[in-house]
């Protein structure tokens, strides 16, 4: 008798970009990439908390 060959189960791979984006979150940015209320962009693309005008 000959034993049947079994197929190896493939594991789903997660790219580094997907893995890191779920772990590292920027303050003031929503998951879809839009700014949260009270935050704004400054020169260089940084996100900072907006200060109230006096």
PDB file of N, CA and C in Angstrom:
ATOM      1  N   UNK A   1       0.828  -1.196   0.000  1.00  0.00           N
ATOM      2  CA  UNK A   1       0.000   0.000   0.000  1.00  0.00           C
ATOM      3  C   UNK A   1       0.873   1.261   0.000  1.00  0.00           C
ATOM      4  N   UNK A   2       0.392   2.239  -0.729  1.00  0.00           N
ATOM      5  CA  UNK A   2       1.109   3.509  -0.813  1.00  0.00           C
ATOM      6  C   UNK A   2       0.327   4.558  -0.039  1.00  0.00           C
ATOM      7  N   UNK A   3       1.046   5.289   0.814  1.00  0.00           N
ATOM      8  CA  UNK A   3       0.385   6.332   1.619  1.00  0.00           C
ATOM      9  C   UNK A   3       0.049   7.530   0.741  1.00  0.00           C
ATOM     10  N   UNK A   4      -1.102   8.149   1.012  1.00  0.00           N
ATOM     11  CA  UNK A   4      -1.510   9.324   0.252  1.00  0.00           C
ATOM     12  C   UNK A   4      -0.644  10.521   0.661  1.00  0.00           C
ATOM     13  N   UNK A   5      -0.316  11.352  -0.328  1.00  0.00           N
ATOM     14  CA  UNK A   5       0.428  12.564  -0.029  1.00  0.00           C
ATOM     15  C   UNK A   5      -0.551  13.620   0.491  1.00  0.00           C
ATOM     16  N   UNK A   6      -0.180  14.254   1.559  1.00  0.00           N
ATOM     17  CA  UNK A   6      -1.044  15.294   2.102  1.00  0.00           C
ATOM     18  C   UNK A   6      -0.529  16.661   1.664  1.00  0.00           C
ATOM     19  N   UNK A   7      -1.466  17.558   1.394  1.00  0.00           N
ATOM     20  CA  UNK A   7      -1.088  18.907   0.982  1.00  0.00           C
ATOM     21  C   UNK A   7      -0.772  19.735   2.224  1.00  0.00           C
ATOM     22  N   UNK A   8       0.243  20.559   2.101  1.00  0.00           N
ATOM     23  CA  UNK A   8       0.583  21.439   3.206  1.00  0.00           C
ATOM     24  C   UNK A   8      -0.380  22.617   3.222  1.00  0.00           C
ATOM     25  N   UNK A   9      -0.804  22.999   4.420  1.00  0.00           N
ATOM     26  CA  UNK A   9      -1.699  24.144   4.552  1.00  0.00           C
ATOM     27  C   UNK A   9      -0.871  25.416   4.462  1.00  0.00           C
ATOM     28  N   UNK A  10      -1.293  26.327   3.593  1.00  0.00           N
ATOM     29  CA  UNK A  10      -0.576  27.588   3.447  1.00  0.00           C
ATOM     30  C   UNK A  10      -1.061  28.560   4.515  1.00  0.00           C
ATOM     31  N   UNK A  11      -0.107  29.231   5.155  1.00  0.00           N
ATOM     32  CA  UNK A  11      -0.475  30.228   6.146  1.00  0.00           C
ATOM     33  C   UNK A  11      -0.578  31.586   5.464  1.00  0.00           C
ATOM     34  N   UNK A  12      -1.530  32.375   5.911  1.00  0.00           N
ATOM     35  CA  UNK A  12      -1.728  33.701   5.326  1.00  0.00           C
ATOM     36  C   UNK A  12      -0.639  34.631   5.861  1.00  0.00           C
ATOM     37  N   UNK A  13       0.085  35.257   4.950  1.00  0.00           N
ATOM     38  CA  UNK A  13       1.165  36.151   5.351  1.00  0.00           C
ATOM     39  C   UNK A  13       0.661  37.581   5.456  1.00  0.00           C
ATOM     40  N   UNK A  14       1.156  38.283   6.462  1.00  0.00           N
ATOM     41  CA  UNK A  14       0.807  39.683   6.652  1.00  0.00           C
ATOM     42  C   UNK A  14       2.059  40.506   6.372  1.00  0.00           C
ATOM     43  N   UNK A  15       1.913  41.502   5.491  1.00  0.00           N
ATOM     44  CA  UNK A  15       3.071  42.334   5.154  1.00  0.00           C
ATOM     45  C   UNK A  15       3.432  43.216   6.342  1.00  0.00           C
ATOM     46  N   UNK A  16       4.676  43.669   6.356  1.00  0.00           N
ATOM     47  CA  UNK A  16       5.169  44.512   7.448  1.00  0.00           C
ATOM     48  C   UNK A  16       4.390  45.817   7.517  1.00  0.00           C
ATOM     49  N   UNK A  17       4.016  46.354   6.353  1.00  0.00           N
ATOM     50  CA  UNK A  17       3.275  47.621   6.308  1.00  0.00           C
ATOM     51  C   UNK A  17       1.916  47.479   6.997  1.00  0.00           C
ATOM     52  N   UNK A  18       1.217  46.388   6.697  1.00  0.00           N
ATOM     53  CA  UNK A  18      -0.097  46.153   7.312  1.00  0.00           C
ATOM     54  C   UNK A  18       0.041  45.927   8.810  1.00  0.00           C
ATOM     55  N   UNK A  19       1.052  45.183   9.200  1.00  0.00           N
ATOM     56  CA  UNK A  19       1.253  44.860  10.602  1.00  0.00           C
ATOM     57  C   UNK A  19       1.578  46.108  11.404  1.00  0.00           C
ATOM     58  N   UNK A  20       2.491  46.927  10.895  1.00  0.00           N
ATOM     59  CA  UNK A  20       2.922  48.132  11.603  1.00  0.00           C
ATOM     60  C   UNK A  20       1.826  49.192  11.633  1.00  0.00           C
ATOM     61  N   UNK A  21       1.053  49.311  10.554  1.00  0.00           N
ATOM     62  CA  UNK A  21       0.023  50.340  10.516  1.00  0.00           C
ATOM     63  C   UNK A  21      -1.080  50.076  11.535  1.00  0.00           C
ATOM     64  N   UNK A  22      -1.273  48.823  11.890  1.00  0.00           N
ATOM     65  CA  UNK A  22      -2.288  48.510  12.896  1.00  0.00           C
ATOM     66  C   UNK A  22      -1.756  48.737  14.307  1.00  0.00           C
ATOM     67  N   UNK A  23      -0.440  48.750  14.479  1.00  0.00           N
ATOM     68  CA  UNK A  23       0.163  48.924  15.796  1.00  0.00           C
ATOM     69  C   UNK A  23       0.470  50.392  16.062  1.00  0.00           C
ATOM     70  N   UNK A  24       1.108  51.048  15.084  1.00  0.00           N
ATOM     71  CA  UNK A  24       1.529  52.428  15.269  1.00  0.00           C
ATOM     72  C   UNK A  24       0.411  53.355  14.794  1.00  0.00           C
ATOM     73  N   UNK A  25      -0.083  54.191  15.699  1.00  0.00           N
ATOM     74  CA  UNK A  25      -1.107  55.154  15.326  1.00  0.00           C
ATOM     75  C   UNK A  25      -0.606  56.548  15.631  1.00  0.00           C
ATOM     76  N   UNK A  26      -0.858  57.474  14.721  1.00  0.00           N
ATOM     77  CA  UNK A  26      -0.456  58.855  14.935  1.00  0.00           C
ATOM     78  C   UNK A  26      -1.544  59.573  15.713  1.00  0.00           C
ATOM     79  N   UNK A  27      -1.129  60.424  16.614  1.00  0.00           N
ATOM     80  CA  UNK A  27      -2.075  61.195  17.403  1.00  0.00           C
ATOM     81  C   UNK A  27      -2.755  62.222  16.509  1.00  0.00           C
ATOM     82  N   UNK A  28      -4.065  62.281  16.540  1.00  0.00           N
ATOM     83  CA  UNK A  28      -4.807  63.263  15.765  1.00  0.00           C
ATOM     84  C   UNK A  28      -5.248  62.810  14.394  1.00  0.00           C
ATOM     85  N   UNK A  29      -4.914  61.569  14.004  1.00  0.00           N
ATOM     86  CA  UNK A  29      -5.305  61.065  12.689  1.00  0.00           C
ATOM     87  C   UNK A  29      -6.199  59.848  12.862  1.00  0.00           C
ATOM     88  N   UNK A  30      -7.333  59.851  12.148  1.00  0.00           N
ATOM     89  CA  UNK A  30      -8.255  58.717  12.203  1.00  0.00           C
ATOM     90  C   UNK A  30      -7.716  57.567  11.371  1.00  0.00           C
ATOM     91  N   UNK A  31      -8.333  56.391  11.498  1.00  0.00           N
ATOM     92  CA  UNK A  31      -7.879  55.207  10.754  1.00  0.00           C
ATOM     93  C   UNK A  31      -7.961  55.399   9.247  1.00  0.00           C
ATOM     94  N   UNK A  32      -8.935  56.203   8.783  1.00  0.00           N
ATOM     95  CA  UNK A  32      -9.067  56.418   7.347  1.00  0.00           C
ATOM     96  C   UNK A  32      -8.140  57.510   6.818  1.00  0.00           C
ATOM     97  N   UNK A  33      -7.330  58.106   7.688  1.00  0.00           N
ATOM     98  CA  UNK A  33      -6.334  59.084   7.252  1.00  0.00           C
ATOM     99  C   UNK A  33      -6.755  60.533   7.380  1.00  0.00           C
ATOM    100  N   UNK A  34      -7.991  60.792   7.825  1.00  0.00           N
ATOM    101  CA  UNK A  34      -8.435  62.172   7.991  1.00  0.00           C
ATOM    102  C   UNK A  34      -8.081  62.679   9.384  1.00  0.00           C
ATOM    103  N   UNK A  35      -8.028  63.993   9.517  1.00  0.00           N
ATOM    104  CA  UNK A  35      -7.678  64.591  10.803  1.00  0.00           C
ATOM    105  C   UNK A  35      -8.849  64.551  11.772  1.00  0.00           C
ATOM    106  N   UNK A  36      -8.518  64.362  13.044  1.00  0.00           N
ATOM    107  CA  UNK A  36      -9.546  64.441  14.079  1.00  0.00           C
ATOM    108  C   UNK A  36      -9.825  65.913  14.361  1.00  0.00           C
ATOM    109  N   UNK A  37     -10.951  66.178  15.002  1.00  0.00           N
ATOM    110  CA  UNK A  37     -11.323  67.553  15.326  1.00  0.00           C
ATOM    111  C   UNK A  37     -10.323  68.119  16.336  1.00  0.00           C
ATOM    112  N   UNK A  38      -9.852  69.347  16.076  1.00  0.00           N
ATOM    113  CA  UNK A  38      -8.920  70.003  16.982  1.00  0.00           C
ATOM    114  C   UNK A  38      -7.458  69.789  16.614  1.00  0.00           C
ATOM    115  N   UNK A  39      -7.179  69.162  15.466  1.00  0.00           N
ATOM    116  CA  UNK A  39      -5.814  68.933  15.006  1.00  0.00           C
ATOM    117  C   UNK A  39      -5.629  69.584  13.644  1.00  0.00           C
ATOM    118  N   UNK A  40      -4.380  69.916  13.301  1.00  0.00           N
ATOM    119  CA  UNK A  40      -4.095  70.520  12.001  1.00  0.00           C
ATOM    120  C   UNK A  40      -2.703  70.107  11.545  1.00  0.00           C
ATOM    121  N   UNK A  41      -2.461  70.299  10.242  1.00  0.00           N
ATOM    122  CA  UNK A  41      -1.144  70.024   9.675  1.00  0.00           C
ATOM    123  C   UNK A  41      -0.276  71.272   9.778  1.00  0.00           C
ATOM    124  N   UNK A  42       1.022  71.083  10.011  1.00  0.00           N
ATOM    125  CA  UNK A  42       1.993  72.174   9.975  1.00  0.00           C
ATOM    126  C   UNK A  42       3.032  71.838   8.922  1.00  0.00           C
ATOM    127  N   UNK A  43       3.928  72.779   8.653  1.00  0.00           N
ATOM    128  CA  UNK A  43       4.965  72.579   7.648  1.00  0.00           C
ATOM    129  C   UNK A  43       5.723  71.287   7.922  1.00  0.00           C
ATOM    130  N   UNK A  44       5.966  70.532   6.875  1.00  0.00           N
ATOM    131  CA  UNK A  44       6.693  69.272   7.025  1.00  0.00           C
ATOM    132  C   UNK A  44       5.774  68.072   7.187  1.00  0.00           C
ATOM    133  N   UNK A  45       4.460  68.318   7.210  1.00  0.00           N
ATOM    134  CA  UNK A  45       3.506  67.212   7.292  1.00  0.00           C
ATOM    135  C   UNK A  45       3.227  66.701   8.686  1.00  0.00           C
ATOM    136  N   UNK A  46       3.685  67.412   9.715  1.00  0.00           N
ATOM    137  CA  UNK A  46       3.421  66.976  11.080  1.00  0.00           C
ATOM    138  C   UNK A  46       1.996  67.332  11.479  1.00  0.00           C
ATOM    139  N   UNK A  47       1.436  66.547  12.382  1.00  0.00           N
ATOM    140  CA  UNK A  47       0.098  66.805  12.903  1.00  0.00           C
ATOM    141  C   UNK A  47       0.245  67.304  14.322  1.00  0.00           C
ATOM    142  N   UNK A  48      -0.340  68.487  14.583  1.00  0.00           N
ATOM    143  CA  UNK A  48      -0.262  69.061  15.925  1.00  0.00           C
ATOM    144  C   UNK A  48      -1.654  69.452  16.383  1.00  0.00           C
ATOM    145  N   UNK A  49      -1.805  69.569  17.701  1.00  0.00           N
ATOM    146  CA  UNK A  49      -3.073  69.991  18.270  1.00  0.00           C
ATOM    147  C   UNK A  49      -3.220  71.488  18.019  1.00  0.00           C
ATOM    148  N   UNK A  50      -4.368  71.889  17.496  1.00  0.00           N
ATOM    149  CA  UNK A  50      -4.609  73.301  17.182  1.00  0.00           C
ATOM    150  C   UNK A  50      -4.850  74.081  18.457  1.00  0.00           C
ATOM    151  N   UNK A  51      -4.279  75.272  18.523  1.00  0.00           N
ATOM    152  CA  UNK A  51      -4.490  76.147  19.682  1.00  0.00           C
ATOM    153  C   UNK A  51      -5.643  77.090  19.375  1.00  0.00           C
ATOM    154  N   UNK A  52      -6.389  77.452  20.416  1.00  0.00           N
ATOM    155  CA  UNK A  52      -7.508  78.383  20.255  1.00  0.00           C
ATOM    156  C   UNK A  52      -6.973  79.780  19.988  1.00  0.00           C
ATOM    157  N   UNK A  53      -7.642  80.495  19.058  1.00  0.00           N
ATOM    158  CA  UNK A  53      -7.227  81.864  18.746  1.00  0.00           C
ATOM    159  C   UNK A  53      -7.660  82.794  19.863  1.00  0.00           C
ATOM    160  N   UNK A  54      -6.776  83.762  20.183  1.00  0.00           N
ATOM    161  CA  UNK A  54      -7.101  84.724  21.256  1.00  0.00           C
ATOM    162  C   UNK A  54      -7.682  85.978  20.685  1.00  0.00           C
TER     163      UNK A  54
END
